[in-house]
């Protein structure tokens, strides 16, 4: 599905926008994530869905982990640990 295709312009875009305008908060974020997965699936890039789902789940859990750090004092010391995870190094957490 291309951005200029009739499938996108007549089906995908109106449905996605109509739902996005009705939703707020977490529901909106989940809808956008789902719409992205569906778009890439119909774009002919089925192989891309698995890495996209994996990185979405990892990003979610890293964000939860950073949120659970407490106050602003501990958050900066956890930031290098997340980059260490992404870069494949073994940076210890605080």
Protein backbone atom coordinates (compact mmCIF):
# COMPACT_ATOMS: atom_id res chain seq x y z
CA UNK A 1 0.00 0.00 0.00
CA UNK A 2 1.46 3.33 -1.06
CA UNK A 3 0.44 6.73 0.25
CA UNK A 4 -0.96 7.57 -3.18
CA UNK A 5 -2.87 4.32 -3.67
CA UNK A 6 -6.66 4.24 -3.57
CA UNK A 7 -6.57 1.61 -0.82
CA UNK A 8 -4.71 4.03 1.41
CA UNK A 9 -6.68 7.15 0.48
CA UNK A 10 -10.17 5.62 0.57
CA UNK A 11 -9.90 2.90 3.23
CA UNK A 12 -6.89 3.16 5.52
CA UNK A 13 -6.52 6.93 5.98
CA UNK A 14 -10.18 7.79 6.76
CA UNK A 15 -10.60 4.90 9.21
CA UNK A 16 -7.30 5.64 10.94
CA UNK A 17 -8.01 9.36 11.23
CA UNK A 18 -11.60 8.87 12.39
CA UNK A 19 -10.47 6.56 15.18
CA UNK A 20 -7.51 8.78 16.11
CA UNK A 21 -9.79 11.80 16.49
CA UNK A 22 -12.09 9.90 18.86
CA UNK A 23 -9.40 8.41 21.11
CA UNK A 24 -7.31 10.03 23.83
CA UNK A 25 -4.38 9.02 26.02
CA UNK A 26 -3.17 5.43 26.05
CA UNK A 27 -5.92 4.26 23.71
CA UNK A 28 -4.71 6.72 21.05
CA UNK A 29 -1.11 5.55 21.40
CA UNK A 30 -2.17 1.92 21.08
CA UNK A 31 -4.28 2.75 18.02
CA UNK A 32 -1.34 4.51 16.34
CA UNK A 33 0.93 1.53 17.04
CA UNK A 34 -1.66 -0.90 15.65
CA UNK A 35 -2.28 1.28 12.57
CA UNK A 36 1.48 1.38 11.91
CA UNK A 37 1.72 -2.40 12.08
CA UNK A 38 -1.27 -2.81 9.75
CA UNK A 39 0.15 -0.24 7.31
CA UNK A 40 3.50 -1.99 7.05
CA UNK A 41 1.74 -5.33 6.73
CA UNK A 42 -0.31 -4.14 3.77
CA UNK A 43 2.65 -2.29 2.27
CA UNK A 44 4.20 -5.62 1.37
CA UNK A 45 6.79 -5.54 4.11
CA UNK A 46 5.56 -8.46 6.23
CA UNK A 47 9.12 -9.23 7.27
CA UNK A 48 9.30 -5.83 9.00
CA UNK A 49 6.42 -6.53 11.39
CA UNK A 50 8.39 -8.80 13.73
CA UNK A 51 11.29 -6.35 14.35
CA UNK A 52 8.74 -3.56 14.70
CA UNK A 53 6.81 -5.49 17.36
CA UNK A 54 10.01 -6.43 19.20
CA UNK A 55 11.30 -2.86 19.33
CA UNK A 56 7.86 -1.58 20.39
CA UNK A 57 7.76 -4.02 23.31
CA UNK A 58 11.37 -3.27 24.30
CA UNK A 59 10.72 0.50 24.15
CA UNK A 60 7.61 0.06 26.30
CA UNK A 61 9.45 -1.88 29.00
CA UNK A 62 12.46 0.46 29.00
CA UNK A 63 10.08 3.41 29.43
CA UNK A 64 8.35 1.61 32.31
CA UNK A 65 11.75 0.91 33.87
CA UNK A 66 12.79 4.57 33.55
CA UNK A 67 9.45 5.72 34.92
CA UNK A 68 9.91 3.49 37.95
CA UNK A 69 13.25 5.16 38.72
CA UNK A 70 11.47 7.52 41.08
CA UNK A 71 12.48 11.16 41.18
CA UNK A 72 14.53 13.09 38.69
CA UNK A 73 17.70 12.37 40.66
CA UNK A 74 17.94 8.73 39.61
CA UNK A 75 16.69 9.04 36.04
CA UNK A 76 19.93 10.48 34.57
CA UNK A 77 21.99 7.65 36.02
CA UNK A 78 19.75 5.06 34.35
CA UNK A 79 19.94 6.77 30.98
CA UNK A 80 23.46 5.41 30.13
CA UNK A 81 22.27 1.92 31.05
CA UNK A 82 19.52 2.06 28.43
CA UNK A 83 21.97 3.22 25.78
CA UNK A 84 24.27 0.40 26.86
CA UNK A 85 21.48 -2.08 26.22
CA UNK A 86 20.80 -0.63 22.78
CA UNK A 87 24.46 -0.53 21.84
CA UNK A 88 25.11 -4.03 23.08
CA UNK A 89 27.59 -3.10 25.76
CA UNK A 90 27.37 -4.08 29.42
CA UNK A 91 26.90 -0.72 31.12
CA UNK A 92 25.80 -1.31 34.73
CA UNK A 93 22.65 0.36 36.02
CA UNK A 94 22.76 2.60 39.08
